[in-house]
PDB file of N, CA and C in Angstrom:
ATOM      1  N   UNK A   1     -10.425  41.491  16.526  1.00  0.00           N
ATOM      2  CA  UNK A   1     -10.272  40.558  15.425  1.00  0.00           C
ATOM      3  C   UNK A   1      -9.409  39.387  15.896  1.00  0.00           C
ATOM      4  N   UNK A   2      -9.835  38.200  15.577  1.00  0.00           N
ATOM      5  CA  UNK A   2      -9.079  36.996  15.916  1.00  0.00           C
ATOM      6  C   UNK A   2      -8.243  36.619  14.704  1.00  0.00           C
ATOM      7  N   UNK A   3      -6.942  36.526  14.916  1.00  0.00           N
ATOM      8  CA  UNK A   3      -6.027  36.148  13.833  1.00  0.00           C
ATOM      9  C   UNK A   3      -5.265  34.907  14.266  1.00  0.00           C
ATOM     10  N   UNK A   4      -5.324  33.879  13.426  1.00  0.00           N
ATOM     11  CA  UNK A   4      -4.710  32.605  13.777  1.00  0.00           C
ATOM     12  C   UNK A   4      -3.773  32.128  12.684  1.00  0.00           C
ATOM     13  N   UNK A   5      -2.737  31.437  13.105  1.00  0.00           N
ATOM     14  CA  UNK A   5      -1.794  30.783  12.201  1.00  0.00           C
ATOM     15  C   UNK A   5      -1.769  29.315  12.611  1.00  0.00           C
ATOM     16  N   UNK A   6      -2.044  28.445  11.659  1.00  0.00           N
ATOM     17  CA  UNK A   6      -2.088  27.012  11.951  1.00  0.00           C
ATOM     18  C   UNK A   6      -1.106  26.278  11.044  1.00  0.00           C
ATOM     19  N   UNK A   7      -0.536  25.216  11.589  1.00  0.00           N
ATOM     20  CA  UNK A   7       0.380  24.399  10.786  1.00  0.00           C
ATOM     21  C   UNK A   7       0.298  22.953  11.237  1.00  0.00           C
ATOM     22  N   UNK A   8       0.545  22.063  10.276  1.00  0.00           N
ATOM     23  CA  UNK A   8       0.615  20.646  10.595  1.00  0.00           C
ATOM     24  C   UNK A   8       2.081  20.228  10.554  1.00  0.00           C
ATOM     25  N   UNK A   9       2.451  19.356  11.469  1.00  0.00           N
ATOM     26  CA  UNK A   9       3.824  18.885  11.600  1.00  0.00           C
ATOM     27  C   UNK A   9       3.854  17.379  11.389  1.00  0.00           C
ATOM     28  N   UNK A  10       4.758  16.926  10.528  1.00  0.00           N
ATOM     29  CA  UNK A  10       5.001  15.501  10.306  1.00  0.00           C
ATOM     30  C   UNK A  10       6.503  15.278  10.424  1.00  0.00           C
ATOM     31  N   UNK A  11       6.898  14.431  11.346  1.00  0.00           N
ATOM     32  CA  UNK A  11       8.323  14.138  11.566  1.00  0.00           C
ATOM     33  C   UNK A  11       9.142  15.419  11.744  1.00  0.00           C
ATOM     34  N   UNK A  12       8.703  16.305  12.575  1.00  0.00           N
ATOM     35  CA  UNK A  12       9.335  17.589  12.915  1.00  0.00           C
ATOM     36  C   UNK A  12       9.413  18.587  11.749  1.00  0.00           C
ATOM     37  N   UNK A  13       8.716  18.321  10.653  1.00  0.00           N
ATOM     38  CA  UNK A  13       8.714  19.241   9.513  1.00  0.00           C
ATOM     39  C   UNK A  13       7.306  19.762   9.262  1.00  0.00           C
ATOM     40  N   UNK A  14       7.229  21.046   8.972  1.00  0.00           N
ATOM     41  CA  UNK A  14       5.942  21.644   8.674  1.00  0.00           C
ATOM     42  C   UNK A  14       5.501  21.198   7.281  1.00  0.00           C
ATOM     43  N   UNK A  15       4.266  20.674   7.185  1.00  0.00           N
ATOM     44  CA  UNK A  15       3.756  20.209   5.901  1.00  0.00           C
ATOM     45  C   UNK A  15       2.751  21.186   5.283  1.00  0.00           C
ATOM     46  N   UNK A  16       1.841  21.694   6.109  1.00  0.00           N
ATOM     47  CA  UNK A  16       0.836  22.633   5.624  1.00  0.00           C
ATOM     48  C   UNK A  16       0.721  23.772   6.621  1.00  0.00           C
ATOM     49  N   UNK A  17       0.318  24.936   6.104  1.00  0.00           N
ATOM     50  CA  UNK A  17       0.049  26.056   7.002  1.00  0.00           C
ATOM     51  C   UNK A  17      -1.132  26.851   6.468  1.00  0.00           C
ATOM     52  N   UNK A  18      -1.732  27.608   7.357  1.00  0.00           N
ATOM     53  CA  UNK A  18      -2.909  28.391   6.998  1.00  0.00           C
ATOM     54  C   UNK A  18      -3.004  29.586   7.937  1.00  0.00           C
ATOM     55  N   UNK A  19      -3.182  30.763   7.371  1.00  0.00           N
ATOM     56  CA  UNK A  19      -3.407  31.974   8.142  1.00  0.00           C
ATOM     57  C   UNK A  19      -4.850  32.393   7.939  1.00  0.00           C
ATOM     58  N   UNK A  20      -5.519  32.718   9.027  1.00  0.00           N
ATOM     59  CA  UNK A  20      -6.917  33.127   8.900  1.00  0.00           C
ATOM     60  C   UNK A  20      -7.234  34.232   9.900  1.00  0.00           C
ATOM     61  N   UNK A  21      -8.306  34.947   9.610  1.00  0.00           N
ATOM     62  CA  UNK A  21      -8.762  36.021  10.484  1.00  0.00           C
ATOM     63  C   UNK A  21     -10.282  35.965  10.567  1.00  0.00           C
ATOM     64  N   UNK A  22     -10.794  36.226  11.746  1.00  0.00           N
ATOM     65  CA  UNK A  22     -12.230  36.274  11.984  1.00  0.00           C
ATOM     66  C   UNK A  22     -12.563  37.681  12.471  1.00  0.00           C
ATOM     67  N   UNK A  23     -13.573  38.285  11.886  1.00  0.00           N
ATOM     68  CA  UNK A  23     -13.940  39.673  12.213  1.00  0.00           C
ATOM     69  C   UNK A  23     -14.787  39.739  13.477  1.00  0.00           C
ATOM     70  N   UNK A  24     -14.210  39.324  14.577  1.00  0.00           N
ATOM     71  CA  UNK A  24     -14.884  39.389  15.868  1.00  0.00           C
ATOM     72  C   UNK A  24     -13.826  39.367  16.961  1.00  0.00           C
ATOM     73  N   UNK A  25     -14.192  39.785  18.141  1.00  0.00           N
ATOM     74  CA  UNK A  25     -13.298  39.663  19.284  1.00  0.00           C
ATOM     75  C   UNK A  25     -13.250  38.199  19.701  1.00  0.00           C
ATOM     76  N   UNK A  26     -12.158  37.798  20.322  1.00  0.00           N
ATOM     77  CA  UNK A  26     -12.012  36.407  20.752  1.00  0.00           C
ATOM     78  C   UNK A  26     -13.106  36.044  21.750  1.00  0.00           C
ATOM     79  N   UNK A  27     -13.776  34.946  21.469  1.00  0.00           N
ATOM     80  CA  UNK A  27     -14.816  34.404  22.347  1.00  0.00           C
ATOM     81  C   UNK A  27     -14.452  32.960  22.660  1.00  0.00           C
ATOM     82  N   UNK A  28     -14.417  32.632  23.936  1.00  0.00           N
ATOM     83  CA  UNK A  28     -14.103  31.251  24.328  1.00  0.00           C
ATOM     84  C   UNK A  28     -15.105  30.283  23.710  1.00  0.00           C
ATOM     85  N   UNK A  29     -16.363  30.679  23.651  1.00  0.00           N
ATOM     86  CA  UNK A  29     -17.409  29.805  23.108  1.00  0.00           C
ATOM     87  C   UNK A  29     -17.230  29.542  21.615  1.00  0.00           C
ATOM     88  N   UNK A  30     -16.491  30.383  20.916  1.00  0.00           N
ATOM     89  CA  UNK A  30     -16.287  30.215  19.477  1.00  0.00           C
ATOM     90  C   UNK A  30     -14.978  29.505  19.138  1.00  0.00           C
ATOM     91  N   UNK A  31     -14.180  29.155  20.137  1.00  0.00           N
ATOM     92  CA  UNK A  31     -12.889  28.533  19.884  1.00  0.00           C
ATOM     93  C   UNK A  31     -13.039  27.249  19.074  1.00  0.00           C
ATOM     94  N   UNK A  32     -14.068  26.466  19.382  1.00  0.00           N
ATOM     95  CA  UNK A  32     -14.327  25.230  18.638  1.00  0.00           C
ATOM     96  C   UNK A  32     -14.601  25.540  17.160  1.00  0.00           C
ATOM     97  N   UNK A  33     -15.318  26.624  16.884  1.00  0.00           N
ATOM     98  CA  UNK A  33     -15.592  27.041  15.509  1.00  0.00           C
ATOM     99  C   UNK A  33     -14.304  27.414  14.785  1.00  0.00           C
ATOM    100  N   UNK A  34     -13.403  28.134  15.464  1.00  0.00           N
ATOM    101  CA  UNK A  34     -12.132  28.513  14.857  1.00  0.00           C
ATOM    102  C   UNK A  34     -11.339  27.261  14.462  1.00  0.00           C
ATOM    103  N   UNK A  35     -11.299  26.299  15.362  1.00  0.00           N
ATOM    104  CA  UNK A  35     -10.545  25.060  15.103  1.00  0.00           C
ATOM    105  C   UNK A  35     -11.187  24.275  13.957  1.00  0.00           C
ATOM    106  N   UNK A  36     -12.505  24.184  13.928  1.00  0.00           N
ATOM    107  CA  UNK A  36     -13.196  23.457  12.850  1.00  0.00           C
ATOM    108  C   UNK A  36     -12.953  24.113  11.500  1.00  0.00           C
ATOM    109  N   UNK A  37     -12.946  25.434  11.462  1.00  0.00           N
ATOM    110  CA  UNK A  37     -12.685  26.153  10.217  1.00  0.00           C
ATOM    111  C   UNK A  37     -11.286  25.841   9.690  1.00  0.00           C
ATOM    112  N   UNK A  38     -10.315  25.821  10.574  1.00  0.00           N
ATOM    113  CA  UNK A  38      -8.941  25.490  10.189  1.00  0.00           C
ATOM    114  C   UNK A  38      -8.845  24.056   9.700  1.00  0.00           C
ATOM    115  N   UNK A  39      -9.487  23.138  10.395  1.00  0.00           N
ATOM    116  CA  UNK A  39      -9.433  21.727   9.991  1.00  0.00           C
ATOM    117  C   UNK A  39     -10.103  21.500   8.641  1.00  0.00           C
ATOM    118  N   UNK A  40     -11.167  22.239   8.353  1.00  0.00           N
ATOM    119  CA  UNK A  40     -11.798  22.137   7.034  1.00  0.00           C
ATOM    120  C   UNK A  40     -10.820  22.560   5.942  1.00  0.00           C
ATOM    121  N   UNK A  41     -10.056  23.612   6.199  1.00  0.00           N
ATOM    122  CA  UNK A  41      -9.066  24.072   5.226  1.00  0.00           C
ATOM    123  C   UNK A  41      -7.992  23.013   4.986  1.00  0.00           C
ATOM    124  N   UNK A  42      -7.614  22.285   6.042  1.00  0.00           N
ATOM    125  CA  UNK A  42      -6.615  21.222   5.924  1.00  0.00           C
ATOM    126  C   UNK A  42      -7.222  19.904   5.449  1.00  0.00           C
ATOM    127  N   UNK A  43      -8.539  19.876   5.229  1.00  0.00           N
ATOM    128  CA  UNK A  43      -9.244  18.652   4.850  1.00  0.00           C
ATOM    129  C   UNK A  43      -8.950  17.551   5.876  1.00  0.00           C
ATOM    130  N   UNK A  44      -9.128  17.902   7.119  1.00  0.00           N
ATOM    131  CA  UNK A  44      -8.820  17.025   8.240  1.00  0.00           C
ATOM    132  C   UNK A  44     -10.031  16.960   9.164  1.00  0.00           C
ATOM    133  N   UNK A  45     -10.180  15.866   9.895  1.00  0.00           N
ATOM    134  CA  UNK A  45     -11.240  15.846  10.908  1.00  0.00           C
ATOM    135  C   UNK A  45     -10.932  16.854  12.008  1.00  0.00           C
ATOM    136  N   UNK A  46     -11.946  17.246  12.739  1.00  0.00           N
ATOM    137  CA  UNK A  46     -11.764  18.198  13.836  1.00  0.00           C
ATOM    138  C   UNK A  46     -11.428  17.458  15.124  1.00  0.00           C
ATOM    139  N   UNK A  47     -10.559  18.047  15.937  1.00  0.00           N
ATOM    140  CA  UNK A  47     -10.227  17.418  17.215  1.00  0.00           C
ATOM    141  C   UNK A  47     -11.303  17.695  18.264  1.00  0.00           C
ATOM    142  N   UNK A  48     -11.215  16.987  19.351  1.00  0.00           N
ATOM    143  CA  UNK A  48     -12.057  17.272  20.501  1.00  0.00           C
ATOM    144  C   UNK A  48     -11.362  18.393  21.278  1.00  0.00           C
ATOM    145  N   UNK A  49     -12.023  19.522  21.381  1.00  0.00           N
ATOM    146  CA  UNK A  49     -11.444  20.676  22.057  1.00  0.00           C
ATOM    147  C   UNK A  49     -11.782  20.573  23.546  1.00  0.00           C
ATOM    148  N   UNK A  50     -10.754  20.440  24.361  1.00  0.00           N
ATOM    149  CA  UNK A  50     -10.910  20.333  25.804  1.00  0.00           C
ATOM    150  C   UNK A  50     -10.585  21.664  26.470  1.00  0.00           C
ATOM    151  N   UNK A  51     -10.915  21.763  27.729  1.00  0.00           N
ATOM    152  CA  UNK A  51     -10.642  22.987  28.486  1.00  0.00           C
ATOM    153  C   UNK A  51      -9.148  23.297  28.507  1.00  0.00           C
ATOM    154  N   UNK A  52      -8.303  22.255  28.536  1.00  0.00           N
ATOM    155  CA  UNK A  52      -6.849  22.487  28.556  1.00  0.00           C
ATOM    156  C   UNK A  52      -6.371  23.145  27.273  1.00  0.00           C
ATOM    157  N   UNK A  53      -7.001  22.833  26.138  1.00  0.00           N
ATOM    158  CA  UNK A  53      -6.632  23.453  24.869  1.00  0.00           C
ATOM    159  C   UNK A  53      -6.959  24.949  24.895  1.00  0.00           C
ATOM    160  N   UNK A  54      -8.138  25.276  25.373  1.00  0.00           N
ATOM    161  CA  UNK A  54      -8.538  26.678  25.448  1.00  0.00           C
ATOM    162  C   UNK A  54      -7.640  27.423  26.430  1.00  0.00           C
ATOM    163  N   UNK A  55      -7.346  26.804  27.567  1.00  0.00           N
ATOM    164  CA  UNK A  55      -6.475  27.421  28.567  1.00  0.00           C
ATOM    165  C   UNK A  55      -5.077  27.681  27.996  1.00  0.00           C
ATOM    166  N   UNK A  56      -4.531  26.693  27.263  1.00  0.00           N
ATOM    167  CA  UNK A  56      -3.208  26.870  26.655  1.00  0.00           C
ATOM    168  C   UNK A  56      -3.209  28.028  25.664  1.00  0.00           C
ATOM    169  N   UNK A  57      -4.271  28.135  24.864  1.00  0.00           N
ATOM    170  CA  UNK A  57      -4.335  29.228  23.901  1.00  0.00           C
ATOM    171  C   UNK A  57      -4.414  30.578  24.615  1.00  0.00           C
ATOM    172  N   UNK A  58      -5.244  30.669  25.642  1.00  0.00           N
ATOM    173  CA  UNK A  58      -5.401  31.935  26.364  1.00  0.00           C
ATOM    174  C   UNK A  58      -4.108  32.324  27.086  1.00  0.00           C
ATOM    175  N   UNK A  59      -3.470  31.362  27.750  1.00  0.00           N
ATOM    176  CA  UNK A  59      -2.282  31.672  28.548  1.00  0.00           C
ATOM    177  C   UNK A  59      -1.021  31.860  27.716  1.00  0.00           C
ATOM    178  N   UNK A  60      -0.848  31.032  26.674  1.00  0.00           N
ATOM    179  CA  UNK A  60       0.412  31.028  25.928  1.00  0.00           C
ATOM    180  C   UNK A  60       0.287  31.515  24.483  1.00  0.00           C
ATOM    181  N   UNK A  61      -0.938  31.675  23.980  1.00  0.00           N
ATOM    182  CA  UNK A  61      -1.129  32.108  22.603  1.00  0.00           C
ATOM    183  C   UNK A  61      -0.904  31.002  21.590  1.00  0.00           C
ATOM    184  N   UNK A  62      -0.795  29.763  22.067  1.00  0.00           N
ATOM    185  CA  UNK A  62      -0.603  28.626  21.166  1.00  0.00           C
ATOM    186  C   UNK A  62      -1.245  27.390  21.778  1.00  0.00           C
ATOM    187  N   UNK A  63      -1.690  26.505  20.917  1.00  0.00           N
ATOM    188  CA  UNK A  63      -2.273  25.237  21.359  1.00  0.00           C
ATOM    189  C   UNK A  63      -1.822  24.149  20.391  1.00  0.00           C
ATOM    190  N   UNK A  64      -1.544  22.970  20.932  1.00  0.00           N
ATOM    191  CA  UNK A  64      -1.104  21.842  20.117  1.00  0.00           C
ATOM    192  C   UNK A  64      -2.095  20.699  20.256  1.00  0.00           C
ATOM    193  N   UNK A  65      -2.555  20.213  19.112  1.00  0.00           N
ATOM    194  CA  UNK A  65      -3.414  19.036  19.077  1.00  0.00           C
ATOM    195  C   UNK A  65      -2.590  17.872  18.550  1.00  0.00           C
ATOM    196  N   UNK A  66      -2.658  16.748  19.229  1.00  0.00           N
ATOM    197  CA  UNK A  66      -1.950  15.533  18.835  1.00  0.00           C
ATOM    198  C   UNK A  66      -2.960  14.525  18.301  1.00  0.00           C
ATOM    199  N   UNK A  67      -2.526  13.479  17.632  1.00  0.00           N
ATOM    200  CA  UNK A  67      -3.479  12.491  17.096  1.00  0.00           C
ATOM    201  C   UNK A  67      -4.436  11.920  18.141  1.00  0.00           C
ATOM    202  N   UNK A  68      -4.031  11.862  19.392  1.00  0.00           N
ATOM    203  CA  UNK A  68      -4.917  11.361  20.450  1.00  0.00           C
ATOM    204  C   UNK A  68      -6.120  12.276  20.685  1.00  0.00           C
ATOM    205  N   UNK A  69      -6.027  13.529  20.260  1.00  0.00           N
ATOM    206  CA  UNK A  69      -7.121  14.478  20.435  1.00  0.00           C
ATOM    207  C   UNK A  69      -8.190  14.345  19.350  1.00  0.00           C
ATOM    208  N   UNK A  70      -7.955  13.504  18.369  1.00  0.00           N
ATOM    209  CA  UNK A  70      -8.889  13.297  17.259  1.00  0.00           C
ATOM    210  C   UNK A  70      -9.564  11.936  17.400  1.00  0.00           C
ATOM    211  N   UNK A  71     -10.822  11.877  17.021  1.00  0.00           N
ATOM    212  CA  UNK A  71     -11.536  10.598  17.024  1.00  0.00           C
ATOM    213  C   UNK A  71     -11.152   9.802  15.781  1.00  0.00           C
ATOM    214  N   UNK A  72     -11.019  10.488  14.661  1.00  0.00           N
ATOM    215  CA  UNK A  72     -10.649   9.847  13.406  1.00  0.00           C
ATOM    216  C   UNK A  72      -9.133   9.891  13.212  1.00  0.00           C
ATOM    217  N   UNK A  73      -8.654   9.119  12.277  1.00  0.00           N
ATOM    218  CA  UNK A  73      -7.227   9.073  11.973  1.00  0.00           C
ATOM    219  C   UNK A  73      -6.803  10.349  11.243  1.00  0.00           C
ATOM    220  N   UNK A  74      -5.663  10.869  11.650  1.00  0.00           N
ATOM    221  CA  UNK A  74      -5.091  12.039  10.975  1.00  0.00           C
ATOM    222  C   UNK A  74      -3.713  11.657  10.442  1.00  0.00           C
ATOM    223  N   UNK A  75      -3.243  12.427   9.470  1.00  0.00           N
ATOM    224  CA  UNK A  75      -1.983  12.108   8.805  1.00  0.00           C
ATOM    225  C   UNK A  75      -0.891  13.123   9.158  1.00  0.00           C
ATOM    226  N   UNK A  76      -0.878  13.547  10.398  1.00  0.00           N
ATOM    227  CA  UNK A  76       0.173  14.431  10.882  1.00  0.00           C
ATOM    228  C   UNK A  76       0.415  14.122  12.363  1.00  0.00           C
ATOM    229  N   UNK A  77       1.557  14.581  12.858  1.00  0.00           N
ATOM    230  CA  UNK A  77       1.936  14.330  14.248  1.00  0.00           C
ATOM    231  C   UNK A  77       1.403  15.409  15.193  1.00  0.00           C
ATOM    232  N   UNK A  78       1.253  16.626  14.668  1.00  0.00           N
ATOM    233  CA  UNK A  78       0.763  17.739  15.478  1.00  0.00           C
ATOM    234  C   UNK A  78       0.004  18.722  14.601  1.00  0.00           C
ATOM    235  N   UNK A  79      -1.001  19.320  15.179  1.00  0.00           N
ATOM    236  CA  UNK A  79      -1.663  20.482  14.603  1.00  0.00           C
ATOM    237  C   UNK A  79      -1.442  21.598  15.612  1.00  0.00           C
ATOM    238  N   UNK A  80      -0.726  22.626  15.205  1.00  0.00           N
ATOM    239  CA  UNK A  80      -0.408  23.735  16.094  1.00  0.00           C
ATOM    240  C   UNK A  80      -1.157  24.974  15.614  1.00  0.00           C
ATOM    241  N   UNK A  81      -1.876  25.589  16.534  1.00  0.00           N
ATOM    242  CA  UNK A  81      -2.616  26.816  16.233  1.00  0.00           C
ATOM    243  C   UNK A  81      -2.052  27.896  17.154  1.00  0.00           C
ATOM    244  N   UNK A  82      -1.673  29.013  16.526  1.00  0.00           N
ATOM    245  CA  UNK A  82      -1.037  30.103  17.275  1.00  0.00           C
ATOM    246  C   UNK A  82      -1.766  31.404  17.028  1.00  0.00           C
ATOM    247  N   UNK A  83      -1.677  32.292  17.994  1.00  0.00           N
ATOM    248  CA  UNK A  83      -2.169  33.649  17.834  1.00  0.00           C
ATOM    249  C   UNK A  83      -1.249  34.342  16.828  1.00  0.00           C
ATOM    250  N   UNK A  84      -1.805  35.025  15.843  1.00  0.00           N
ATOM    251  CA  UNK A  84      -0.998  35.644  14.802  1.00  0.00           C
ATOM    252  C   UNK A  84      -1.383  37.104  14.669  1.00  0.00           C
ATOM    253  N   UNK A  85      -0.461  37.965  14.900  1.00  0.00           N
ATOM    254  CA  UNK A  85      -0.722  39.411  14.786  1.00  0.00           C
ATOM    255  C   UNK A  85      -0.465  39.928  13.377  1.00  0.00           C
ATOM    256  N   UNK A  86       0.036  39.086  12.467  1.00  0.00           N
ATOM    257  CA  UNK A  86       0.474  39.559  11.154  1.00  0.00           C
ATOM    258  C   UNK A  86      -0.411  39.126   9.995  1.00  0.00           C
ATOM    259  N   UNK A  87      -1.597  38.640  10.229  1.00  0.00           N
ATOM    260  CA  UNK A  87      -2.472  38.207   9.124  1.00  0.00           C
ATOM    261  C   UNK A  87      -2.965  39.421   8.404  1.00  0.00           C
TER     262      UNK A  87
END
């Protein structure tokens, strides 16, 4: 089961958060789907998921998206997605 905790940061303060779980084992090919699902919940555009984002999640259990990772304008400084064992 994939369990994720996501939060948006504005000026070093957490503005929104979301905990979600997917009933499947982690698949690298589905990482983009996980991120899109979270962004839909935040009513935000989806970022461009690069290999470095997937690598950071696999190695460290967390990934940070900055406004430069989005094609459209976003209203936060960071979108942080973390592995969550407590969902």
